[in-house]
PDB file of N, CA and C in Angstrom:
ATOM      1  N   MET A   1      58.067  28.316  38.912  1.00  0.00           N
ATOM      2  CA  MET A   1      58.981  27.345  38.215  1.00  0.00           C
ATOM      3  C   MET A   1      59.713  28.552  38.419  1.00  0.00           C
ATOM      4  N   ASP A   2      61.302  28.449  38.781  1.00  0.00           N
ATOM      5  CA  ASP A   2      62.387  28.874  38.499  1.00  0.00           C
ATOM      6  C   ASP A   2      63.480  29.532  37.675  1.00  0.00           C
ATOM      7  N   GLN A   3      64.373  30.465  37.588  1.00  0.00           N
ATOM      8  CA  GLN A   3      64.787  30.507  35.922  1.00  0.00           C
ATOM      9  C   GLN A   3      66.273  30.111  36.245  1.00  0.00           C
ATOM     10  N   SER A   4      66.526  29.198  36.439  1.00  0.00           N
ATOM     11  CA  SER A   4      67.160  28.228  36.347  1.00  0.00           C
ATOM     12  C   SER A   4      66.613  27.008  35.953  1.00  0.00           C
ATOM     13  N   LYS A   5      65.704  26.553  35.745  1.00  0.00           N
ATOM     14  CA  LYS A   5      65.161  25.614  35.124  1.00  0.00           C
ATOM     15  C   LYS A   5      64.758  26.264  33.771  1.00  0.00           C
ATOM     16  N   ILE A   6      64.051  27.798  33.514  1.00  0.00           N
ATOM     17  CA  ILE A   6      63.969  27.637  32.038  1.00  0.00           C
ATOM     18  C   ILE A   6      64.930  28.254  31.669  1.00  0.00           C
ATOM     19  N   ASP A   7      66.460  28.616  32.171  1.00  0.00           N
ATOM     20  CA  ASP A   7      67.353  28.505  31.527  1.00  0.00           C
ATOM     21  C   ASP A   7      68.172  27.157  31.075  1.00  0.00           C
ATOM     22  N   ARG A   8      67.303  25.993  31.922  1.00  0.00           N
ATOM     23  CA  ARG A   8      67.826  24.497  31.704  1.00  0.00           C
ATOM     24  C   ARG A   8      67.743  24.461  30.087  1.00  0.00           C
ATOM     25  N   ILE A   9      66.177  24.621  30.140  1.00  0.00           N
ATOM     26  CA  ILE A   9      64.888  24.363  28.817  1.00  0.00           C
ATOM     27  C   ILE A   9      65.605  25.485  27.291  1.00  0.00           C
ATOM     28  N   ASN A  10      66.137  26.221  27.834  1.00  0.00           N
ATOM     29  CA  ASN A  10      66.446  26.575  26.607  1.00  0.00           C
ATOM     30  C   ASN A  10      67.990  26.247  26.068  1.00  0.00           C
ATOM     31  N   THR A  11      69.047  26.407  27.409  1.00  0.00           N
ATOM     32  CA  THR A  11      70.153  25.622  26.980  1.00  0.00           C
ATOM     33  C   THR A  11      69.800  24.360  25.802  1.00  0.00           C
ATOM     34  N   LEU A  12      69.095  23.252  26.520  1.00  0.00           N
ATOM     35  CA  LEU A  12      68.825  21.876  26.177  1.00  0.00           C
ATOM     36  C   LEU A  12      68.506  22.555  24.162  1.00  0.00           C
ATOM     37  N   TYR A  13      67.649  22.968  24.749  1.00  0.00           N
ATOM     38  CA  TYR A  13      66.612  23.231  23.300  1.00  0.00           C
ATOM     39  C   TYR A  13      67.765  23.968  22.144  1.00  0.00           C
ATOM     40  N   HIS A  14      68.827  24.852  22.726  1.00  0.00           N
ATOM     41  CA  HIS A  14      70.002  25.089  21.421  1.00  0.00           C
ATOM     42  C   HIS A  14      70.435  24.217  21.080  1.00  0.00           C
ATOM     43  N   LYS A  15      70.525  23.314  22.120  1.00  0.00           N
ATOM     44  CA  LYS A  15      71.769  21.393  22.273  1.00  0.00           C
ATOM     45  C   LYS A  15      70.954  21.466  20.882  1.00  0.00           C
ATOM     46  N   SER A  16      70.093  20.790  21.173  1.00  0.00           N
ATOM     47  CA  SER A  16      68.839  20.107  20.564  1.00  0.00           C
ATOM     48  C   SER A  16      69.218  20.547  19.195  1.00  0.00           C
ATOM     49  N   LYS A  17      69.596  22.110  18.217  1.00  0.00           N
ATOM     50  CA  LYS A  17      69.199  22.067  17.520  1.00  0.00           C
ATOM     51  C   LYS A  17      70.992  21.889  16.793  1.00  0.00           C
ATOM     52  N   SER A  18      71.991  22.115  17.479  1.00  0.00           N
ATOM     53  CA  SER A  18      72.933  22.409  17.976  1.00  0.00           C
ATOM     54  C   SER A  18      73.792  21.010  16.794  1.00  0.00           C
ATOM     55  N   VAL A  19      74.624  20.164  18.015  1.00  0.00           N
ATOM     56  CA  VAL A  19      74.825  19.014  18.598  1.00  0.00           C
ATOM     57  C   VAL A  19      74.197  17.829  18.515  1.00  0.00           C
ATOM     58  N   GLY A  20      72.804  17.870  18.701  1.00  0.00           N
ATOM     59  CA  GLY A  20      71.924  16.483  19.528  1.00  0.00           C
ATOM     60  C   GLY A  20      72.188  16.324  21.401  1.00  0.00           C
ATOM     61  N   LEU A  21      70.317  15.930  21.089  1.00  0.00           N
ATOM     62  CA  LEU A  21      70.709  15.653  23.253  1.00  0.00           C
ATOM     63  C   LEU A  21      71.167  14.434  22.865  1.00  0.00           C
ATOM     64  N   THR A  22      70.741  13.703  23.964  1.00  0.00           N
ATOM     65  CA  THR A  22      71.758  11.905  24.367  1.00  0.00           C
ATOM     66  C   THR A  22      69.699  12.369  25.191  1.00  0.00           C
ATOM     67  N   GLU A  23      69.737  11.032  25.348  1.00  0.00           N
ATOM     68  CA  GLU A  23      68.142  10.439  25.344  1.00  0.00           C
ATOM     69  C   GLU A  23      68.067  10.910  27.121  1.00  0.00           C
ATOM     70  N   GLU A  24      68.744  11.065  28.301  1.00  0.00           N
ATOM     71  CA  GLU A  24      68.825  11.679  29.472  1.00  0.00           C
ATOM     72  C   GLU A  24      68.320  13.322  29.022  1.00  0.00           C
ATOM     73  N   GLU A  25      69.345  13.956  28.246  1.00  0.00           N
ATOM     74  CA  GLU A  25      68.845  15.113  28.336  1.00  0.00           C
ATOM     75  C   GLU A  25      67.208  15.169  27.603  1.00  0.00           C
ATOM     76  N   LYS A  26      67.270  14.202  26.326  1.00  0.00           N
ATOM     77  CA  LYS A  26      65.714  14.496  25.611  1.00  0.00           C
ATOM     78  C   LYS A  26      64.981  13.507  27.134  1.00  0.00           C
ATOM     79  N   ASP A  27      65.123  13.152  28.425  1.00  0.00           N
ATOM     80  CA  ASP A  27      63.998  13.242  29.138  1.00  0.00           C
ATOM     81  C   ASP A  27      63.773  14.157  30.397  1.00  0.00           C
ATOM     82  N   GLU A  28      65.213  14.873  30.678  1.00  0.00           N
ATOM     83  CA  GLU A  28      64.908  15.805  31.057  1.00  0.00           C
ATOM     84  C   GLU A  28      64.329  16.515  30.252  1.00  0.00           C
ATOM     85  N   GLN A  29      64.076  17.472  29.177  1.00  0.00           N
ATOM     86  CA  GLN A  29      64.230  18.597  28.633  1.00  0.00           C
ATOM     87  C   GLN A  29      62.085  18.749  28.768  1.00  0.00           C
ATOM     88  N   ALA A  30      61.670  17.021  28.587  1.00  0.00           N
ATOM     89  CA  ALA A  30      60.338  16.288  28.639  1.00  0.00           C
ATOM     90  C   ALA A  30      59.838  17.012  29.517  1.00  0.00           C
ATOM     91  N   ALA A  31      60.913  16.838  30.291  1.00  0.00           N
ATOM     92  CA  ALA A  31      60.202  17.007  31.776  1.00  0.00           C
ATOM     93  C   ALA A  31      59.831  18.236  32.646  1.00  0.00           C
ATOM     94  N   LEU A  32      61.702  19.202  31.985  1.00  0.00           N
ATOM     95  CA  LEU A  32      60.936  20.689  32.385  1.00  0.00           C
ATOM     96  C   LEU A  32      60.223  21.508  31.378  1.00  0.00           C
ATOM     97  N   ARG A  33      59.716  20.536  29.654  1.00  0.00           N
ATOM     98  CA  ARG A  33      58.677  21.348  29.909  1.00  0.00           C
ATOM     99  C   ARG A  33      57.294  20.712  29.923  1.00  0.00           C
ATOM    100  N   LYS A  34      57.166  20.074  30.504  1.00  0.00           N
ATOM    101  CA  LYS A  34      56.403  19.378  30.692  1.00  0.00           C
ATOM    102  C   LYS A  34      55.677  20.400  32.844  1.00  0.00           C
ATOM    103  N   GLU A  35      56.195  21.205  32.989  1.00  0.00           N
ATOM    104  CA  GLU A  35      56.428  21.427  34.452  1.00  0.00           C
ATOM    105  C   GLU A  35      56.435  22.667  34.009  1.00  0.00           C
ATOM    106  N   TYR A  36      56.794  23.228  32.796  1.00  0.00           N
ATOM    107  CA  TYR A  36      56.424  24.733  32.778  1.00  0.00           C
ATOM    108  C   TYR A  36      55.040  24.978  31.463  1.00  0.00           C
ATOM    109  N   ILE A  37      54.788  24.237  30.901  1.00  0.00           N
ATOM    110  CA  ILE A  37      53.422  24.008  30.493  1.00  0.00           C
ATOM    111  C   ILE A  37      52.779  24.035  31.561  1.00  0.00           C
ATOM    112  N   GLU A  38      52.629  23.612  32.913  1.00  0.00           N
ATOM    113  CA  GLU A  38      51.430  23.084  34.200  1.00  0.00           C
ATOM    114  C   GLU A  38      51.683  24.595  34.686  1.00  0.00           C
ATOM    115  N   THR A  39      52.917  24.714  34.813  1.00  0.00           N
ATOM    116  CA  THR A  39      52.811  26.219  35.871  1.00  0.00           C
ATOM    117  C   THR A  39      52.223  27.037  34.534  1.00  0.00           C
ATOM    118  N   ILE A  40      52.396  27.508  33.800  1.00  0.00           N
ATOM    119  CA  ILE A  40      51.176  28.478  33.070  1.00  0.00           C
ATOM    120  C   ILE A  40      50.591  28.110  32.615  1.00  0.00           C
ATOM    121  N   ARG A  41      49.869  27.172  33.041  1.00  0.00           N
ATOM    122  CA  ARG A  41      48.389  26.680  32.606  1.00  0.00           C
ATOM    123  C   ARG A  41      47.606  26.896  34.671  1.00  0.00           C
ATOM    124  N   ARG A  42      48.535  27.029  35.596  1.00  0.00           N
ATOM    125  CA  ARG A  42      47.792  27.081  36.426  1.00  0.00           C
ATOM    126  C   ARG A  42      48.091  28.680  37.082  1.00  0.00           C
ATOM    127  N   ASN A  43      49.109  29.321  36.347  1.00  0.00           N
ATOM    128  CA  ASN A  43      49.138  30.881  35.877  1.00  0.00           C
ATOM    129  C   ASN A  43      48.635  31.489  35.557  1.00  0.00           C
ATOM    130  N   MET A  44      47.433  30.589  34.131  1.00  0.00           N
ATOM    131  CA  MET A  44      45.735  31.815  33.200  1.00  0.00           C
ATOM    132  C   MET A  44      44.771  30.955  34.387  1.00  0.00           C
ATOM    133  N   ARG A  45      45.738  30.341  34.609  1.00  0.00           N
ATOM    134  CA  ARG A  45      43.249  29.680  35.747  1.00  0.00           C
ATOM    135  C   ARG A  45      43.631  30.838  35.874  1.00  0.00           C
ATOM    136  N   ALA A  46      44.774  31.137  37.653  1.00  0.00           N
ATOM    137  CA  ALA A  46      44.676  32.178  38.304  1.00  0.00           C
ATOM    138  C   ALA A  46      44.046  32.976  37.180  1.00  0.00           C
ATOM    139  N   ASN A  47      44.265  33.896  36.827  1.00  0.00           N
ATOM    140  CA  ASN A  47      44.365  34.702  36.092  1.00  0.00           C
ATOM    141  C   ASN A  47      42.736  34.465  35.670  1.00  0.00           C
ATOM    142  N   LEU A  48      42.726  33.669  35.348  1.00  0.00           N
ATOM    143  CA  LEU A  48      41.353  34.226  34.158  1.00  0.00           C
ATOM    144  C   LEU A  48      40.167  33.905  36.285  1.00  0.00           C
ATOM    145  N   ASN A  49      40.525  33.394  36.830  1.00  0.00           N
ATOM    146  CA  ASN A  49      39.821  33.112  38.162  1.00  0.00           C
ATOM    147  C   ASN A  49      39.045  34.838  38.534  1.00  0.00           C
ATOM    148  N   ASN A  50      40.525  35.412  38.423  1.00  0.00           N
ATOM    149  CA  ASN A  50      40.175  36.352  39.477  1.00  0.00           C
ATOM    150  C   ASN A  50      39.537  37.782  38.379  1.00  0.00           C
ATOM    151  N   ILE A  51      39.060  37.438  36.981  1.00  0.00           N
ATOM    152  CA  ILE A  51      37.708  38.909  36.261  1.00  0.00           C
ATOM    153  C   ILE A  51      36.461  38.817  36.672  1.00  0.00           C
ATOM    154  N   SER A  52      36.172  39.663  36.689  1.00  0.00           N
ATOM    155  CA  SER A  52      34.636  40.371  37.534  1.00  0.00           C
ATOM    156  C   SER A  52      34.058  40.722  35.903  1.00  0.00           C
ATOM    157  N   ILE A  53      33.505  40.595  35.454  1.00  0.00           N
ATOM    158  CA  ILE A  53      32.782  41.354  34.137  1.00  0.00           C
ATOM    159  C   ILE A  53      31.429  42.194  34.633  1.00  0.00           C
ATOM    160  N   LYS A  54      31.850  43.736  34.316  1.00  0.00           N
ATOM    161  CA  LYS A  54      30.431  44.354  35.262  1.00  0.00           C
ATOM    162  C   LYS A  54      29.531  44.236  33.607  1.00  0.00           C
ATOM    163  N   GLU A  55      27.964  43.696  34.172  1.00  0.00           N
ATOM    164  CA  GLU A  55      26.858  43.700  33.112  1.00  0.00           C
ATOM    165  C   GLU A  55      26.124  45.254  32.644  1.00  0.00           C
ATOM    166  N   LYS A  56      25.464  45.136  32.397  1.00  0.00           N
ATOM    167  CA  LYS A  56      25.004  46.283  31.972  1.00  0.00           C
ATOM    168  C   LYS A  56      23.977  47.150  32.378  1.00  0.00           C
ATOM    169  N   ASP A  57      22.989  46.074  33.006  1.00  0.00           N
ATOM    170  CA  ASP A  57      22.151  46.728  34.384  1.00  0.00           C
ATOM    171  C   ASP A  57      22.843  46.655  35.421  1.00  0.00           C
ATOM    172  N   GLY A  58      24.421  46.522  35.667  1.00  0.00           N
ATOM    173  CA  GLY A  58      25.317  47.225  37.029  1.00  0.00           C
ATOM    174  C   GLY A  58      25.530  45.993  37.606  1.00  0.00           C
ATOM    175  N   THR A  59      24.977  44.823  37.624  1.00  0.00           N
ATOM    176  CA  THR A  59      25.800  43.648  38.325  1.00  0.00           C
ATOM    177  C   THR A  59      26.823  43.914  38.153  1.00  0.00           C
ATOM    178  N   VAL A  60      27.178  42.066  38.806  1.00  0.00           N
ATOM    179  CA  VAL A  60      29.217  41.926  38.351  1.00  0.00           C
ATOM    180  C   VAL A  60      29.297  40.729  38.498  1.00  0.00           C
ATOM    181  N   THR A  61      29.696  40.206  37.373  1.00  0.00           N
ATOM    182  CA  THR A  61      29.550  38.954  37.434  1.00  0.00           C
ATOM    183  C   THR A  61      31.072  38.230  37.140  1.00  0.00           C
ATOM    184  N   ASP A  62      31.449  37.173  39.093  1.00  0.00           N
ATOM    185  CA  ASP A  62      32.338  37.023  38.582  1.00  0.00           C
ATOM    186  C   ASP A  62      32.904  35.081  38.235  1.00  0.00           C
ATOM    187  N   LEU A  63      34.008  35.288  37.424  1.00  0.00           N
ATOM    188  CA  LEU A  63      34.346  34.447  36.374  1.00  0.00           C
ATOM    189  C   LEU A  63      34.684  33.251  36.951  1.00  0.00           C
ATOM    190  N   GLY A  64      35.356  33.211  37.728  1.00  0.00           N
ATOM    191  CA  GLY A  64      35.915  32.297  39.031  1.00  0.00           C
ATOM    192  C   GLY A  64      34.745  31.516  39.892  1.00  0.00           C
ATOM    193  N   LYS A  65      33.805  32.619  39.898  1.00  0.00           N
ATOM    194  CA  LYS A  65      32.686  31.962  40.907  1.00  0.00           C
ATOM    195  C   LYS A  65      31.778  31.265  40.004  1.00  0.00           C
ATOM    196  N   LYS A  66      31.251  31.595  38.615  1.00  0.00           N
ATOM    197  CA  LYS A  66      30.505  31.250  37.874  1.00  0.00           C
ATOM    198  C   LYS A  66      30.803  29.994  36.966  1.00  0.00           C
ATOM    199  N   TYR A  67      32.101  30.181  36.478  1.00  0.00           N
ATOM    200  CA  TYR A  67      32.949  29.504  35.335  1.00  0.00           C
ATOM    201  C   TYR A  67      34.759  28.195  36.536  1.00  0.00           C
ATOM    202  N   GLY A  68      34.976  29.334  37.380  1.00  0.00           N
ATOM    203  CA  GLY A  68      35.885  28.649  37.367  1.00  0.00           C
ATOM    204  C   GLY A  68      35.813  26.843  38.596  1.00  0.00           C
ATOM    205  N   GLY A  69      34.901  27.462  38.973  1.00  0.00           N
ATOM    206  CA  GLY A  69      34.607  26.393  40.619  1.00  0.00           C
ATOM    207  C   GLY A  69      35.512  26.705  41.830  1.00  0.00           C
ATOM    208  N   ILE A  70      35.540  27.848  41.247  1.00  0.00           N
ATOM    209  CA  ILE A  70      35.211  28.727  42.919  1.00  0.00           C
ATOM    210  C   ILE A  70      34.096  29.264  43.666  1.00  0.00           C
ATOM    211  N   LYS A  71      34.890  28.966  45.058  1.00  0.00           N
ATOM    212  CA  LYS A  71      32.922  29.302  46.073  1.00  0.00           C
ATOM    213  C   LYS A  71      33.090  30.236  46.278  1.00  0.00           C
ATOM    214  N   ASP A  72      32.583  30.712  47.037  1.00  0.00           N
ATOM    215  CA  ASP A  72      32.127  32.386  46.823  1.00  0.00           C
ATOM    216  C   ASP A  72      32.548  31.961  48.539  1.00  0.00           C
ATOM    217  N   THR A  73      33.991  32.522  49.345  1.00  0.00           N
ATOM    218  CA  THR A  73      33.788  32.621  50.709  1.00  0.00           C
ATOM    219  C   THR A  73      33.268  33.051  51.658  1.00  0.00           C
ATOM    220  N   GLN A  74      32.488  34.316  51.064  1.00  0.00           N
ATOM    221  CA  GLN A  74      31.945  35.689  52.433  1.00  0.00           C
ATOM    222  C   GLN A  74      30.648  34.424  52.123  1.00  0.00           C
ATOM    223  N   SER A  75      29.826  34.505  53.910  1.00  0.00           N
ATOM    224  CA  SER A  75      29.089  34.093  54.677  1.00  0.00           C
ATOM    225  C   SER A  75      27.842  35.676  54.842  1.00  0.00           C
TER     226      SER A  75
END
């Protein structure tokens, strides 16, 4: 999501608190918020899928492969 959309979300929020929004603006705000949340979830999932844990026995557990459905690309 680019900065202009985030700025628009903030603008609509401030306008909603001061004078209120039209129905079109409410729809735009809802769509932008939905897109923002989807972007955050995608980024969070990507970060979590890149975590590896070194176990006490020295082995490494790749959480993306174990829980995230990431397949091993090495043959």
